[in-house]
Amino acid sequence: MFRNSILLLFSCIFMSQHLCAQIITFSFDGAAGNELAFGADNQPANGSASDMSRGNGVNASLASGAFSASSWSHDGLDVNDYFTFSLTPDPGFELSITSLQLDERRSATGIHDWSLRSSLDAFATDIGTAFSLPDNTSYRRDQSIDLSGGLFDDLTNTIEFRFYGYNAESSSGTWRLDNLDLFGVITPVPEVSGTTWIALSLFGFYYWNVKKKEGMKKSPFNAFLKISSAIKRSKNLL
């Protein structure tokens, strides 16, 4: 009973539940489509978002009320062919992202596939499964990518997302984005509270009891110091 109570208390204090809120939106209202860059509708509280822009492998193209490009790769993914934006939490704050949603549309000779990548692994791998597009010019509304699960939690540095389009039918074919929403939360970096130290002390006492039974003759205070020191060295655990 004592063991279960201590572990439950320790888990509850360090458990973080991120709320799903709209951090930024790119609606591209009033856009001609061929701007070199286009800003978000508003800047997030406690953070800043870059403009939407393009990689140097594609060219700006007209698309009223959207953000568009042509000259997409005819074959597989080309690392220079993408749309991109980034998000940076303010100092003392951390960013946790849960999902991304957007509308997109290809022209009659545009791309047939697109995927999302991030700067967390230097844009090396797709996030989730690549999207395969049907051979039509209809808008695909509310295309959603799940970013929950921990990889995009507690970020304190800038993160960049890139949308790679490829397998276009022609160099003149276009692909456009519209109504992009990023969901998550930006919160203060947590500090160690009095309640947390109490939990650490209890956990240290539990740890000492376990080790005592195994023949370790160390005080609970030493066990507590060992645990708290390790936690101080790794802010990501707090």
Protein backbone atom coordinates (compact mmCIF):
# COMPACT_ATOMS: atom_id res chain seq x y z
CA MET A 1 0.00 0.00 0.00
CA PHE A 2 2.78 2.42 0.98
CA ARG A 3 4.69 1.63 -2.20
CA ASN A 4 1.69 2.18 -4.46
CA SER A 5 0.79 5.44 -2.72
CA ILE A 6 4.29 6.86 -3.12
CA LEU A 7 4.53 5.92 -6.79
CA LEU A 8 1.07 7.36 -7.50
CA LEU A 9 1.94 10.64 -5.79
CA PHE A 10 5.24 10.87 -7.63
CA SER A 11 3.57 10.19 -10.99
CA CYS A 12 0.76 12.68 -10.46
CA ILE A 13 3.07 15.55 -9.58
CA PHE A 14 5.24 15.09 -12.67
CA MET A 15 2.41 14.29 -15.06
CA SER A 16 1.72 17.08 -17.61
CA GLN A 17 -1.59 17.32 -19.42
CA HIS A 18 -1.36 19.58 -22.45
CA LEU A 19 -4.48 21.39 -23.53
CA CYS A 20 -5.35 21.50 -27.21
CA ALA A 21 -5.59 25.12 -28.30
CA GLN A 22 -5.06 26.91 -31.59
CA ILE A 23 -1.57 28.42 -31.43
CA ILE A 24 -1.32 29.98 -34.91
CA THR A 25 -3.37 30.21 -38.10
CA PHE A 26 -2.43 30.97 -41.69
CA SER A 27 -5.70 31.81 -43.47
CA PHE A 28 -3.99 33.68 -46.34
CA ASP A 29 -6.91 36.09 -46.59
CA GLY A 30 -6.23 38.64 -49.33
CA ALA A 31 -3.20 36.74 -50.66
CA ALA A 32 -2.44 36.68 -54.37
CA GLY A 33 -0.65 33.38 -53.86
CA ASN A 34 2.69 34.42 -55.34
CA GLU A 35 4.02 36.51 -52.44
CA LEU A 36 7.59 35.67 -51.45
CA ALA A 37 6.31 35.16 -47.89
CA PHE A 38 2.99 35.58 -46.08
CA GLY A 39 2.44 36.12 -42.36
CA ALA A 40 0.29 34.27 -39.84
CA ASP A 41 -3.03 35.84 -38.88
CA ASN A 42 -1.62 36.75 -35.46
CA GLN A 43 1.38 36.05 -33.25
CA PRO A 44 0.89 33.54 -30.40
CA ALA A 45 1.06 34.60 -26.77
CA ASN A 46 4.53 33.87 -25.34
CA GLY A 47 5.98 32.92 -28.70
CA SER A 48 6.57 34.04 -32.27
CA ALA A 49 5.76 32.54 -35.66
CA SER A 50 7.65 33.15 -38.88
CA ASP A 51 6.04 33.92 -42.23
CA MET A 52 5.13 31.08 -44.55
CA SER A 53 7.75 30.85 -47.31
CA ARG A 54 9.11 28.44 -49.95
CA GLY A 55 12.20 26.35 -50.56
CA ASN A 56 14.52 27.46 -53.34
CA GLY A 57 13.52 24.56 -55.58
CA VAL A 58 10.03 25.89 -56.35
CA ASN A 59 8.64 29.10 -57.85
CA ALA A 60 5.87 31.36 -56.59
CA SER A 61 2.58 31.10 -58.49
CA LEU A 62 -0.80 32.84 -58.45
CA ALA A 63 -3.61 31.42 -56.30
CA SER A 64 -6.13 33.85 -54.81
CA GLY A 65 -6.51 33.49 -51.04
CA ALA A 66 -3.84 30.79 -50.72
CA PHE A 67 -0.07 30.26 -50.85
CA SER A 68 1.09 28.58 -54.02
CA ALA A 69 4.11 27.30 -55.93
CA SER A 70 5.06 25.52 -59.16
CA SER A 71 8.14 23.60 -60.40
CA TRP A 72 7.65 20.72 -57.97
CA SER A 73 9.72 17.54 -58.39
CA HIS A 74 8.51 15.17 -61.13
CA ASP A 75 9.91 12.17 -59.29
CA GLY A 76 10.45 11.51 -55.58
CA LEU A 77 10.87 14.05 -52.82
CA ASP A 78 13.35 16.85 -53.55
CA VAL A 79 14.76 18.43 -50.38
CA ASN A 80 14.58 21.90 -51.99
CA ASP A 81 10.86 21.72 -52.87
CA TYR A 82 8.72 22.77 -49.92
CA PHE A 83 6.60 25.31 -48.07
CA THR A 84 7.89 26.20 -44.61
CA PHE A 85 7.23 28.08 -41.38
CA SER A 86 8.72 28.04 -37.88
CA LEU A 87 7.59 28.70 -34.32
CA THR A 88 9.69 29.88 -31.37
CA PRO A 89 8.62 29.99 -27.70
CA ASP A 90 9.73 33.04 -25.70
CA PRO A 91 12.57 32.62 -23.16
CA GLY A 92 11.22 30.91 -20.05
CA PHE A 93 8.43 29.20 -21.98
CA GLU A 94 8.06 25.80 -23.65
CA LEU A 95 6.00 24.67 -26.62
CA SER A 96 4.00 21.46 -26.89
CA ILE A 97 2.29 20.69 -30.21
CA THR A 98 -0.60 18.25 -30.60
CA SER A 99 -1.70 18.49 -34.25
CA LEU A 100 -1.63 20.37 -37.52
CA GLN A 101 -4.52 20.85 -39.94
CA LEU A 102 -4.73 22.43 -43.39
CA ASP A 103 -6.54 22.66 -46.71
CA GLU A 104 -4.59 21.97 -49.91
CA ARG A 105 -5.18 21.75 -53.65
CA ARG A 106 -3.21 20.71 -56.74
CA SER A 107 -3.68 21.94 -60.29
CA ALA A 108 -4.47 19.49 -63.11
CA THR A 109 -0.75 18.81 -63.61
CA GLY A 110 0.38 19.38 -60.03
CA ILE A 111 1.83 17.07 -57.39
CA HIS A 112 0.44 13.67 -56.45
CA ASP A 113 2.14 13.28 -53.05
CA TRP A 114 3.15 15.44 -50.11
CA SER A 115 4.59 14.92 -46.65
CA LEU A 116 5.46 16.89 -43.52
CA ARG A 117 8.90 16.95 -41.87
CA SER A 118 10.45 18.94 -39.03
CA SER A 119 13.77 20.36 -37.90
CA LEU A 120 13.83 18.00 -34.90
CA ASP A 121 15.60 15.40 -37.06
CA ALA A 122 16.96 17.86 -39.66
CA PHE A 123 14.01 17.03 -41.99
CA ALA A 124 15.24 13.48 -42.45
CA THR A 125 11.95 11.57 -42.11
CA ASP A 126 8.25 12.03 -42.77
CA ILE A 127 5.96 12.71 -39.84
CA GLY A 128 3.28 10.07 -40.12
CA THR A 129 2.29 8.74 -43.53
CA ALA A 130 2.73 10.73 -46.73
CA PHE A 131 -0.47 11.98 -48.37
CA SER A 132 -1.38 10.65 -51.82
CA LEU A 133 -3.60 12.99 -53.85
CA PRO A 134 -6.29 11.96 -56.34
CA ASP A 135 -5.98 13.13 -59.93
CA ASN A 136 -8.38 16.09 -59.62
CA THR A 137 -8.30 19.79 -58.74
CA SER A 138 -10.65 19.70 -55.76
CA TYR A 139 -9.68 21.23 -52.43
CA ARG A 140 -8.98 18.61 -49.76
CA ARG A 141 -10.26 20.20 -46.57
CA ASP A 142 -9.03 19.66 -43.02
CA GLN A 143 -6.09 17.41 -43.82
CA SER A 144 -4.84 16.54 -40.32
CA ILE A 145 -1.53 15.30 -38.90
CA ASP A 146 -1.28 14.03 -35.32
CA LEU A 147 1.76 15.49 -33.53
CA SER A 148 0.95 14.24 -30.04
CA GLY A 149 2.82 11.47 -28.26
CA GLY A 150 5.80 13.29 -26.79
CA LEU A 151 8.12 14.09 -29.68
CA PHE A 152 6.80 17.64 -29.97
CA ASP A 153 6.36 18.25 -26.23
CA ASP A 154 8.29 20.70 -24.02
CA LEU A 155 10.21 22.40 -26.85
CA THR A 156 12.20 25.45 -25.75
CA ASN A 157 13.90 26.20 -29.08
CA THR A 158 12.68 27.08 -32.56
CA ILE A 159 10.97 24.32 -34.52
CA GLU A 160 10.54 24.47 -38.29
CA PHE A 161 8.01 22.51 -40.34
CA ARG A 162 8.35 21.83 -44.07
CA PHE A 163 5.66 20.59 -46.46
CA TYR A 164 7.30 18.68 -49.31
CA GLY A 165 5.38 18.22 -52.55
CA TYR A 166 6.52 15.78 -55.23
CA ASN A 167 5.56 13.53 -58.17
CA ALA A 168 4.16 16.44 -60.17
CA GLU A 169 2.91 15.80 -63.68
CA SER A 170 4.49 18.98 -65.07
CA SER A 171 6.83 21.80 -64.04
CA SER A 172 3.98 24.22 -64.63
CA GLY A 173 1.73 22.27 -62.26
CA THR A 174 0.97 24.01 -58.96
CA TRP A 175 0.23 23.11 -55.37
CA ARG A 176 -1.25 25.48 -52.80
CA LEU A 177 -1.90 25.57 -49.05
CA ASP A 178 -4.76 27.33 -47.26
CA ASN A 179 -6.30 27.62 -43.77
CA LEU A 180 -3.41 26.07 -41.87
CA ASP A 181 -3.92 25.68 -38.10
CA LEU A 182 -1.35 24.52 -35.55
CA PHE A 183 -2.70 23.21 -32.22
CA GLY A 184 -0.97 22.90 -28.88
CA VAL A 185 0.06 25.11 -25.96
CA ILE A 186 2.86 27.47 -24.90
CA THR A 187 3.39 27.44 -21.13
CA PRO A 188 6.01 28.64 -18.62
CA VAL A 189 8.88 26.23 -18.06
CA PRO A 190 7.93 24.54 -14.76
CA GLU A 191 9.96 25.18 -11.63
CA VAL A 192 10.48 22.77 -8.77
CA SER A 193 7.73 23.54 -6.22
CA GLY A 194 7.52 22.77 -2.53
CA THR A 195 5.07 19.99 -3.32
CA THR A 196 7.56 18.50 -5.76
CA TRP A 197 10.30 18.45 -3.12
CA ILE A 198 7.94 16.69 -0.74
CA ALA A 199 7.26 14.08 -3.41
CA LEU A 200 10.98 13.69 -4.02
CA SER A 201 11.57 13.22 -0.30
CA LEU A 202 8.90 10.55 -0.08
CA PHE A 203 10.25 8.82 -3.15
CA GLY A 204 13.75 8.99 -1.67
CA PHE A 205 12.46 7.41 1.52
CA TYR A 206 10.79 4.65 -0.49
CA TYR A 207 13.97 4.13 -2.53
CA TRP A 208 16.03 3.86 0.67
CA ASN A 209 13.64 1.28 2.11
CA VAL A 210 13.93 -0.84 -1.00
CA LYS A 211 17.69 -0.64 -1.05
CA LYS A 212 17.90 -1.28 2.70
CA LYS A 213 16.20 -4.61 2.16
CA GLU A 214 18.79 -5.32 -0.53
CA GLY A 215 21.60 -4.60 1.94
CA MET A 216 22.36 -0.94 1.13
CA LYS A 217 23.07 1.03 4.31
CA LYS A 218 22.44 4.58 3.20
CA SER A 219 20.18 7.18 4.74
CA PRO A 220 16.96 8.37 3.04
CA PHE A 221 18.52 11.83 2.93
CA ASN A 222 21.37 10.54 0.77
CA ALA A 223 18.90 8.79 -1.51
CA PHE A 224 16.90 12.00 -1.76
CA LEU A 225 20.02 14.01 -2.62
CA LYS A 226 20.94 11.51 -5.31
CA ILE A 227 17.52 11.72 -6.96
CA SER A 228 17.13 15.50 -6.69
CA SER A 229 20.64 16.06 -8.08
CA ALA A 230 19.85 13.93 -11.10
CA ILE A 231 16.62 15.83 -11.71
CA LYS A 232 18.39 19.20 -11.50
CA ARG A 233 20.78 18.04 -14.21
CA SER A 234 17.92 17.29 -16.57
CA LYS A 235 15.29 19.99 -16.79
CA ASN A 236 13.34 17.89 -19.24
CA LEU A 237 12.34 15.59 -16.39
CA LEU A 238 10.61 18.42 -14.51
